[in-house]
PDB file of all heavy atoms in Angstrom:
ATOM      1  N   SER A   1       7.902   6.508   9.960  1.00  0.00           N
ATOM      2  CA  SER A   1       8.269   5.928   8.667  1.00  0.00           C
ATOM      3  C   SER A   1       7.997   4.430   8.706  1.00  0.00           C
ATOM      4  O   SER A   1       8.047   3.804   9.769  1.00  0.00           O
ATOM      5  CB  SER A   1       9.741   6.187   8.341  1.00  0.00           C
ATOM      6  OG  SER A   1      10.582   5.514   9.275  1.00  0.00           O
ATOM      7  N   ILE A   2       7.706   3.867   7.521  1.00  0.00           N
ATOM      8  CA  ILE A   2       7.401   2.443   7.398  1.00  0.00           C
ATOM      9  C   ILE A   2       8.195   1.878   6.230  1.00  0.00           C
ATOM     10  O   ILE A   2       8.211   2.455   5.135  1.00  0.00           O
ATOM     11  CB  ILE A   2       5.889   2.206   7.158  1.00  0.00           C
ATOM     12  CG1 ILE A   2       5.057   2.825   8.278  1.00  0.00           C
ATOM     13  CG2 ILE A   2       5.593   0.716   7.037  1.00  0.00           C
ATOM     14  CD1 ILE A   2       3.562   2.778   8.022  1.00  0.00           C
ATOM     15  N   THR A   3       8.840   0.735   6.476  1.00  0.00           N
ATOM     16  CA  THR A   3       9.591   0.045   5.432  1.00  0.00           C
ATOM     17  C   THR A   3       9.035  -1.367   5.276  1.00  0.00           C
ATOM     18  O   THR A   3       8.774  -2.047   6.271  1.00  0.00           O
ATOM     19  CB  THR A   3      11.086  -0.038   5.779  1.00  0.00           C
ATOM     20  OG1 THR A   3      11.589   1.284   5.966  1.00  0.00           O
ATOM     21  CG2 THR A   3      11.861  -0.715   4.664  1.00  0.00           C
ATOM     22  N   VAL A   4       8.864  -1.791   4.038  1.00  0.00           N
ATOM     23  CA  VAL A   4       8.353  -3.128   3.730  1.00  0.00           C
ATOM     24  C   VAL A   4       9.455  -3.928   3.040  1.00  0.00           C
ATOM     25  O   VAL A   4      10.043  -3.458   2.057  1.00  0.00           O
ATOM     26  CB  VAL A   4       7.101  -3.065   2.833  1.00  0.00           C
ATOM     27  CG1 VAL A   4       6.740  -4.457   2.322  1.00  0.00           C
ATOM     28  CG2 VAL A   4       5.931  -2.465   3.599  1.00  0.00           C
ATOM     29  N   THR A   5       9.731  -5.114   3.557  1.00  0.00           N
ATOM     30  CA  THR A   5      10.713  -6.009   2.945  1.00  0.00           C
ATOM     31  C   THR A   5      10.000  -7.243   2.411  1.00  0.00           C
ATOM     32  O   THR A   5       9.318  -7.943   3.170  1.00  0.00           O
ATOM     33  CB  THR A   5      11.793  -6.431   3.959  1.00  0.00           C
ATOM     34  OG1 THR A   5      12.420  -5.273   4.493  1.00  0.00           O
ATOM     35  CG2 THR A   5      12.833  -7.322   3.302  1.00  0.00           C
ATOM     36  N   LEU A   6      10.150  -7.491   1.111  1.00  0.00           N
ATOM     37  CA  LEU A   6       9.504  -8.637   0.481  1.00  0.00           C
ATOM     38  C   LEU A   6      10.282  -9.918   0.769  1.00  0.00           C
ATOM     39  O   LEU A   6      11.429  -9.891   1.202  1.00  0.00           O
ATOM     40  CB  LEU A   6       9.389  -8.425  -1.024  1.00  0.00           C
ATOM     41  CG  LEU A   6       8.684  -7.154  -1.510  1.00  0.00           C
ATOM     42  CD1 LEU A   6       8.544  -7.186  -3.029  1.00  0.00           C
ATOM     43  CD2 LEU A   6       7.327  -6.984  -0.853  1.00  0.00           C
ATOM     44  N   ASP A   7       9.655 -11.036   0.463  1.00  0.00           N
ATOM     45  CA  ASP A   7      10.289 -12.334   0.682  1.00  0.00           C
ATOM     46  C   ASP A   7      11.534 -12.507  -0.189  1.00  0.00           C
ATOM     47  O   ASP A   7      12.468 -13.217   0.194  1.00  0.00           O
ATOM     48  CB  ASP A   7       9.279 -13.451   0.389  1.00  0.00           C
ATOM     49  CG  ASP A   7       9.828 -14.826   0.718  1.00  0.00           C
ATOM     50  OD1 ASP A   7      10.220 -15.037   1.880  1.00  0.00           O
ATOM     51  OD2 ASP A   7       9.868 -15.682  -0.179  1.00  0.00           O
ATOM     52  N   ASP A   8      11.573 -11.824  -1.344  1.00  0.00           N
ATOM     53  CA  ASP A   8      12.740 -11.942  -2.229  1.00  0.00           C
ATOM     54  C   ASP A   8      13.862 -10.978  -1.851  1.00  0.00           C
ATOM     55  O   ASP A   8      14.881 -10.897  -2.540  1.00  0.00           O
ATOM     56  CB  ASP A   8      12.329 -11.745  -3.690  1.00  0.00           C
ATOM     57  CG  ASP A   8      11.726 -10.362  -3.957  1.00  0.00           C
ATOM     58  OD1 ASP A   8      11.848  -9.471  -3.081  1.00  0.00           O
ATOM     59  OD2 ASP A   8      11.129 -10.174  -5.033  1.00  0.00           O
ATOM     60  N   GLY A   9      13.678 -10.232  -0.751  1.00  0.00           N
ATOM     61  CA  GLY A   9      14.721  -9.345  -0.258  1.00  0.00           C
ATOM     62  C   GLY A   9      14.575  -7.896  -0.664  1.00  0.00           C
ATOM     63  O   GLY A   9      15.264  -7.018  -0.112  1.00  0.00           O
ATOM     64  N   ARG A  10      13.710  -7.593  -1.603  1.00  0.00           N
ATOM     65  CA  ARG A  10      13.530  -6.207  -2.022  1.00  0.00           C
ATOM     66  C   ARG A  10      12.893  -5.390  -0.895  1.00  0.00           C
ATOM     67  O   ARG A  10      12.049  -5.893  -0.149  1.00  0.00           O
ATOM     68  CB  ARG A  10      12.657  -6.125  -3.270  1.00  0.00           C
ATOM     69  CG  ARG A  10      13.347  -6.560  -4.553  1.00  0.00           C
ATOM     70  CD  ARG A  10      12.438  -6.386  -5.752  1.00  0.00           C
ATOM     71  NE  ARG A  10      11.325  -7.327  -5.726  1.00  0.00           N
ATOM     72  CZ  ARG A  10      10.252  -7.243  -6.523  1.00  0.00           C
ATOM     73  NH1 ARG A  10      10.152  -6.220  -7.370  1.00  0.00           N
ATOM     74  NH2 ARG A  10       9.300  -8.160  -6.466  1.00  0.00           N
ATOM     75  N   THR A  11      13.288  -4.121  -0.806  1.00  0.00           N
ATOM     76  CA  THR A  11      12.808  -3.239   0.261  1.00  0.00           C
ATOM     77  C   THR A  11      12.160  -1.998  -0.344  1.00  0.00           C
ATOM     78  O   THR A  11      12.683  -1.424  -1.310  1.00  0.00           O
ATOM     79  CB  THR A  11      13.962  -2.830   1.192  1.00  0.00           C
ATOM     80  OG1 THR A  11      14.529  -4.004   1.781  1.00  0.00           O
ATOM     81  CG2 THR A  11      13.470  -1.921   2.306  1.00  0.00           C
ATOM     82  N   PHE A  12      11.037  -1.578   0.248  1.00  0.00           N
ATOM     83  CA  PHE A  12      10.305  -0.403  -0.245  1.00  0.00           C
ATOM     84  C   PHE A  12       9.970   0.517   0.929  1.00  0.00           C
ATOM     85  O   PHE A  12       9.553   0.054   1.999  1.00  0.00           O
ATOM     86  CB  PHE A  12       9.004  -0.819  -0.940  1.00  0.00           C
ATOM     87  CG  PHE A  12       9.202  -1.647  -2.175  1.00  0.00           C
ATOM     88  CD1 PHE A  12       9.278  -3.025  -2.092  1.00  0.00           C
ATOM     89  CD2 PHE A  12       9.307  -1.048  -3.416  1.00  0.00           C
ATOM     90  CE1 PHE A  12       9.453  -3.802  -3.224  1.00  0.00           C
ATOM     91  CE2 PHE A  12       9.487  -1.811  -4.565  1.00  0.00           C
ATOM     92  CZ  PHE A  12       9.555  -3.194  -4.467  1.00  0.00           C
ATOM     93  N   GLU A  13      10.124   1.826   0.704  1.00  0.00           N
ATOM     94  CA  GLU A  13       9.650   2.818   1.655  1.00  0.00           C
ATOM     95  C   GLU A  13       8.174   3.108   1.357  1.00  0.00           C
ATOM     96  O   GLU A  13       7.795   3.260   0.195  1.00  0.00           O
ATOM     97  CB  GLU A  13      10.458   4.113   1.532  1.00  0.00           C
ATOM     98  CG  GLU A  13      11.914   3.976   1.961  1.00  0.00           C
ATOM     99  CD  GLU A  13      12.047   3.745   3.460  1.00  0.00           C
ATOM    100  OE1 GLU A  13      11.188   4.234   4.217  1.00  0.00           O
ATOM    101  OE2 GLU A  13      13.008   3.064   3.859  1.00  0.00           O
ATOM    102  N   VAL A  14       7.374   3.166   2.390  1.00  0.00           N
ATOM    103  CA  VAL A  14       5.931   3.376   2.226  1.00  0.00           C
ATOM    104  C   VAL A  14       5.621   4.870   2.273  1.00  0.00           C
ATOM    105  O   VAL A  14       6.091   5.584   3.166  1.00  0.00           O
ATOM    106  CB  VAL A  14       5.152   2.639   3.320  1.00  0.00           C
ATOM    107  CG1 VAL A  14       3.658   2.943   3.221  1.00  0.00           C
ATOM    108  CG2 VAL A  14       5.401   1.141   3.248  1.00  0.00           C
ATOM    109  N   ASP A  15       4.858   5.345   1.287  1.00  0.00           N
ATOM    110  CA  ASP A  15       4.347   6.712   1.313  1.00  0.00           C
ATOM    111  C   ASP A  15       3.310   6.799   2.437  1.00  0.00           C
ATOM    112  O   ASP A  15       2.279   6.116   2.393  1.00  0.00           O
ATOM    113  CB  ASP A  15       3.715   7.044  -0.038  1.00  0.00           C
ATOM    114  CG  ASP A  15       3.177   8.472  -0.104  1.00  0.00           C
ATOM    115  OD1 ASP A  15       3.233   9.192   0.929  1.00  0.00           O
ATOM    116  OD2 ASP A  15       2.684   8.866  -1.167  1.00  0.00           O
ATOM    117  N   MET A  16       3.564   7.618   3.454  1.00  0.00           N
ATOM    118  CA  MET A  16       2.691   7.670   4.626  1.00  0.00           C
ATOM    119  C   MET A  16       1.285   8.147   4.266  1.00  0.00           C
ATOM    120  O   MET A  16       0.332   7.879   4.997  1.00  0.00           O
ATOM    121  CB  MET A  16       3.302   8.570   5.695  1.00  0.00           C
ATOM    122  CG  MET A  16       4.647   8.065   6.224  1.00  0.00           C
ATOM    123  SD  MET A  16       4.567   6.368   6.863  1.00  0.00           S
ATOM    124  CE  MET A  16       3.511   6.590   8.287  1.00  0.00           C
ATOM    125  N   ASP A  17       1.135   8.824   3.126  1.00  0.00           N
ATOM    126  CA  ASP A  17      -0.204   9.239   2.694  1.00  0.00           C
ATOM    127  C   ASP A  17      -1.023   8.067   2.169  1.00  0.00           C
ATOM    128  O   ASP A  17      -2.230   8.194   1.965  1.00  0.00           O
ATOM    129  CB  ASP A  17      -0.101  10.313   1.609  1.00  0.00           C
ATOM    130  CG  ASP A  17       0.397  11.646   2.158  1.00  0.00           C
ATOM    131  OD1 ASP A  17       0.186  11.896   3.376  1.00  0.00           O
ATOM    132  OD2 ASP A  17       0.994  12.422   1.393  1.00  0.00           O
ATOM    133  N   SER A  18      -0.357   6.926   1.914  1.00  0.00           N
ATOM    134  CA  SER A  18      -1.075   5.758   1.395  1.00  0.00           C
ATOM    135  C   SER A  18      -1.482   4.791   2.507  1.00  0.00           C
ATOM    136  O   SER A  18      -1.976   3.702   2.222  1.00  0.00           O
ATOM    137  CB  SER A  18      -0.193   5.013   0.381  1.00  0.00           C
ATOM    138  OG  SER A  18       0.878   4.348   1.049  1.00  0.00           O
ATOM    139  N   VAL A  19      -1.270   5.187   3.764  1.00  0.00           N
ATOM    140  CA  VAL A  19      -1.602   4.325   4.892  1.00  0.00           C
ATOM    141  C   VAL A  19      -3.003   4.662   5.393  1.00  0.00           C
ATOM    142  O   VAL A  19      -3.313   5.825   5.685  1.00  0.00           O
ATOM    143  CB  VAL A  19      -0.591   4.503   6.044  1.00  0.00           C
ATOM    144  CG1 VAL A  19      -0.961   3.602   7.220  1.00  0.00           C
ATOM    145  CG2 VAL A  19       0.819   4.186   5.556  1.00  0.00           C
ATOM    146  N   ALA A  20      -3.861   3.648   5.468  1.00  0.00           N
ATOM    147  CA  ALA A  20      -5.223   3.812   5.987  1.00  0.00           C
ATOM    148  C   ALA A  20      -5.426   2.824   7.132  1.00  0.00           C
ATOM    149  O   ALA A  20      -5.130   1.631   6.978  1.00  0.00           O
ATOM    150  CB  ALA A  20      -6.257   3.566   4.887  1.00  0.00           C
ATOM    151  N   THR A  21      -5.907   3.317   8.260  1.00  0.00           N
ATOM    152  CA  THR A  21      -6.041   2.461   9.443  1.00  0.00           C
ATOM    153  C   THR A  21      -7.450   2.531  10.018  1.00  0.00           C
ATOM    154  O   THR A  21      -8.165   3.520   9.830  1.00  0.00           O
ATOM    155  CB  THR A  21      -5.046   2.871  10.539  1.00  0.00           C
ATOM    156  OG1 THR A  21      -5.371   4.196  11.009  1.00  0.00           O
ATOM    157  CG2 THR A  21      -3.613   2.852  10.026  1.00  0.00           C
ATOM    158  N   ASP A  22      -7.813   1.474  10.717  1.00  0.00           N
ATOM    159  CA  ASP A  22      -9.062   1.442  11.470  1.00  0.00           C
ATOM    160  C   ASP A  22      -8.768   0.839  12.848  1.00  0.00           C
ATOM    161  O   ASP A  22      -8.843  -0.375  13.025  1.00  0.00           O
ATOM    162  CB  ASP A  22     -10.128   0.613  10.747  1.00  0.00           C
ATOM    163  CG  ASP A  22     -11.463   0.660  11.477  1.00  0.00           C
ATOM    164  OD1 ASP A  22     -11.940   1.769  11.778  1.00  0.00           O
ATOM    165  OD2 ASP A  22     -12.015  -0.416  11.783  1.00  0.00           O
ATOM    166  N   PRO A  23      -8.398   1.677  13.820  1.00  0.00           N
ATOM    167  CA  PRO A  23      -8.038   1.165  15.141  1.00  0.00           C
ATOM    168  C   PRO A  23      -9.153   0.366  15.813  1.00  0.00           C
ATOM    169  O   PRO A  23      -8.875  -0.532  16.615  1.00  0.00           O
ATOM    170  CB  PRO A  23      -7.726   2.442  15.940  1.00  0.00           C
ATOM    171  CG  PRO A  23      -7.347   3.453  14.895  1.00  0.00           C
ATOM    172  CD  PRO A  23      -8.207   3.132  13.711  1.00  0.00           C
ATOM    173  N   MET A  24     -10.397   0.675  15.482  1.00  0.00           N
ATOM    174  CA  MET A  24     -11.516  -0.022  16.108  1.00  0.00           C
ATOM    175  C   MET A  24     -11.474  -1.526  15.844  1.00  0.00           C
ATOM    176  O   MET A  24     -11.813  -2.343  16.708  1.00  0.00           O
ATOM    177  CB  MET A  24     -12.845   0.561  15.599  1.00  0.00           C
ATOM    178  CG  MET A  24     -14.062   0.053  16.345  1.00  0.00           C
ATOM    179  SD  MET A  24     -14.053   0.487  18.094  1.00  0.00           S
ATOM    180  CE  MET A  24     -14.076   2.281  17.997  1.00  0.00           C
ATOM    181  N   THR A  25     -11.032  -1.921  14.651  1.00  0.00           N
ATOM    182  CA  THR A  25     -10.938  -3.344  14.307  1.00  0.00           C
ATOM    183  C   THR A  25      -9.492  -3.820  14.198  1.00  0.00           C
ATOM    184  O   THR A  25      -9.264  -4.981  13.837  1.00  0.00           O
ATOM    185  CB  THR A  25     -11.656  -3.620  12.971  1.00  0.00           C
ATOM    186  OG1 THR A  25     -11.100  -2.775  11.947  1.00  0.00           O
ATOM    187  CG2 THR A  25     -13.147  -3.366  13.095  1.00  0.00           C
ATOM    188  N   ASP A  26      -8.535  -2.942  14.486  1.00  0.00           N
ATOM    189  CA  ASP A  26      -7.101  -3.266  14.432  1.00  0.00           C
ATOM    190  C   ASP A  26      -6.678  -3.720  13.040  1.00  0.00           C
ATOM    191  O   ASP A  26      -5.897  -4.657  12.884  1.00  0.00           O
ATOM    192  CB  ASP A  26      -6.747  -4.338  15.477  1.00  0.00           C
ATOM    193  CG  ASP A  26      -5.235  -4.430  15.705  1.00  0.00           C
ATOM    194  OD1 ASP A  26      -4.540  -3.432  15.470  1.00  0.00           O
ATOM    195  OD2 ASP A  26      -4.753  -5.514  16.095  1.00  0.00           O
ATOM    196  N   LEU A  27      -7.178  -3.032  12.027  1.00  0.00           N
ATOM    197  CA  LEU A  27      -6.816  -3.345  10.646  1.00  0.00           C
ATOM    198  C   LEU A  27      -6.203  -2.120   9.974  1.00  0.00           C
ATOM    199  O   LEU A  27      -6.557  -0.977  10.297  1.00  0.00           O
ATOM    200  CB  LEU A  27      -8.038  -3.812   9.856  1.00  0.00           C
ATOM    201  CG  LEU A  27      -8.623  -5.162  10.276  1.00  0.00           C
ATOM    202  CD1 LEU A  27      -9.974  -5.388   9.616  1.00  0.00           C
ATOM    203  CD2 LEU A  27      -7.665  -6.297   9.929  1.00  0.00           C
ATOM    204  N   ALA A  28      -5.297  -2.381   9.038  1.00  0.00           N
ATOM    205  CA  ALA A  28      -4.660  -1.301   8.298  1.00  0.00           C
ATOM    206  C   ALA A  28      -4.310  -1.762   6.896  1.00  0.00           C
ATOM    207  O   ALA A  28      -4.083  -2.953   6.657  1.00  0.00           O
ATOM    208  CB  ALA A  28      -3.400  -0.816   9.022  1.00  0.00           C
ATOM    209  N   VAL A  29      -4.275  -0.789   5.981  1.00  0.00           N
ATOM    210  CA  VAL A  29      -3.884  -1.033   4.588  1.00  0.00           C
ATOM    211  C   VAL A  29      -2.790  -0.035   4.232  1.00  0.00           C
ATOM    212  O   VAL A  29      -2.865   1.144   4.607  1.00  0.00           O
ATOM    213  CB  VAL A  29      -5.090  -0.856   3.641  1.00  0.00           C
ATOM    214  CG1 VAL A  29      -4.637  -0.914   2.186  1.00  0.00           C
ATOM    215  CG2 VAL A  29      -6.144  -1.909   3.903  1.00  0.00           C
ATOM    216  N   LEU A  30      -1.761  -0.504   3.542  1.00  0.00           N
ATOM    217  CA  LEU A  30      -0.726   0.399   3.036  1.00  0.00           C
ATOM    218  C   LEU A  30      -0.327  -0.053   1.641  1.00  0.00           C
ATOM    219  O   LEU A  30      -0.676  -1.151   1.205  1.00  0.00           O
ATOM    220  CB  LEU A  30       0.469   0.435   3.983  1.00  0.00           C
ATOM    221  CG  LEU A  30       1.082  -0.897   4.437  1.00  0.00           C
ATOM    222  CD1 LEU A  30       2.150  -1.348   3.462  1.00  0.00           C
ATOM    223  CD2 LEU A  30       1.661  -0.772   5.831  1.00  0.00           C
ATOM    224  N   LYS A  31       0.409   0.797   0.956  1.00  0.00           N
ATOM    225  CA  LYS A  31       0.761   0.491  -0.433  1.00  0.00           C
ATOM    226  C   LYS A  31       2.229   0.807  -0.690  1.00  0.00           C
ATOM    227  O   LYS A  31       2.760   1.784  -0.173  1.00  0.00           O
ATOM    228  CB  LYS A  31      -0.120   1.288  -1.394  1.00  0.00           C
ATOM    229  CG  LYS A  31      -0.004   0.840  -2.850  1.00  0.00           C
ATOM    230  CD  LYS A  31      -0.951   1.617  -3.736  1.00  0.00           C
ATOM    231  CE  LYS A  31      -0.924   1.070  -5.167  1.00  0.00           C
ATOM    232  NZ  LYS A  31       0.437   1.049  -5.751  1.00  0.00           N
ATOM    233  N   VAL A  32       2.854  -0.078  -1.492  1.00  0.00           N
ATOM    234  CA  VAL A  32       4.223   0.171  -1.946  1.00  0.00           C
ATOM    235  C   VAL A  32       4.196   0.335  -3.461  1.00  0.00           C
ATOM    236  O   VAL A  32       3.282  -0.142  -4.144  1.00  0.00           O
ATOM    237  CB  VAL A  32       5.166  -0.983  -1.544  1.00  0.00           C
ATOM    238  CG1 VAL A  32       5.291  -1.073  -0.035  1.00  0.00           C
ATOM    239  CG2 VAL A  32       4.711  -2.316  -2.135  1.00  0.00           C
ATOM    240  N   ASP A  33       5.177   1.026  -3.964  1.00  0.00           N
ATOM    241  CA  ASP A  33       5.258   1.303  -5.406  1.00  0.00           C
ATOM    242  C   ASP A  33       5.936   0.132  -6.103  1.00  0.00           C
ATOM    243  O   ASP A  33       7.167   0.107  -6.284  1.00  0.00           O
ATOM    244  CB  ASP A  33       6.044   2.601  -5.632  1.00  0.00           C
ATOM    245  CG  ASP A  33       6.030   3.033  -7.096  1.00  0.00           C
ATOM    246  OD1 ASP A  33       5.203   2.486  -7.863  1.00  0.00           O
ATOM    247  OD2 ASP A  33       6.840   3.906  -7.453  1.00  0.00           O
ATOM    248  N   ALA A  34       5.133  -0.868  -6.460  1.00  0.00           N
ATOM    249  CA  ALA A  34       5.671  -2.064  -7.117  1.00  0.00           C
ATOM    250  C   ALA A  34       4.579  -2.681  -7.979  1.00  0.00           C
ATOM    251  O   ALA A  34       3.389  -2.396  -7.810  1.00  0.00           O
ATOM    252  CB  ALA A  34       6.173  -3.068  -6.088  1.00  0.00           C
ATOM    253  N   GLU A  35       4.965  -3.531  -8.893  1.00  0.00           N
ATOM    254  CA  GLU A  35       4.025  -4.195  -9.790  1.00  0.00           C
ATOM    255  C   GLU A  35       4.334  -5.697  -9.832  1.00  0.00           C
ATOM    256  O   GLU A  35       5.425  -6.138  -9.494  1.00  0.00           O
ATOM    257  CB  GLU A  35       4.112  -3.616 -11.211  1.00  0.00           C
ATOM    258  CG  GLU A  35       3.757  -2.133 -11.311  1.00  0.00           C
ATOM    259  CD  GLU A  35       2.272  -1.872 -11.069  1.00  0.00           C
ATOM    260  OE1 GLU A  35       1.482  -2.823 -11.225  1.00  0.00           O
ATOM    261  OE2 GLU A  35       1.922  -0.720 -10.734  1.00  0.00           O
ATOM    262  N   ASN A  36       3.324  -6.454 -10.279  1.00  0.00           N
ATOM    263  CA  ASN A  36       3.463  -7.901 -10.488  1.00  0.00           C
ATOM    264  C   ASN A  36       3.980  -8.643  -9.247  1.00  0.00           C
ATOM    265  O   ASN A  36       4.827  -9.537  -9.347  1.00  0.00           O
ATOM    266  CB  ASN A  36       4.391  -8.187 -11.684  1.00  0.00           C
ATOM    267  CG  ASN A  36       3.883  -7.568 -12.968  1.00  0.00           C
ATOM    268  OD1 ASN A  36       2.689  -7.623 -13.265  1.00  0.00           O
ATOM    269  ND2 ASN A  36       4.786  -6.961 -13.726  1.00  0.00           N
TER     270      ASN A  36
END
């Protein structure tokens, strides 16, 4: 499981299906359900 905490204190659970990784370059992208 992955949790993201914003600078303003809000917390979001990450949908694990939205996580994309590339271990070869040590980069990853994930998404939280938020706007603006």
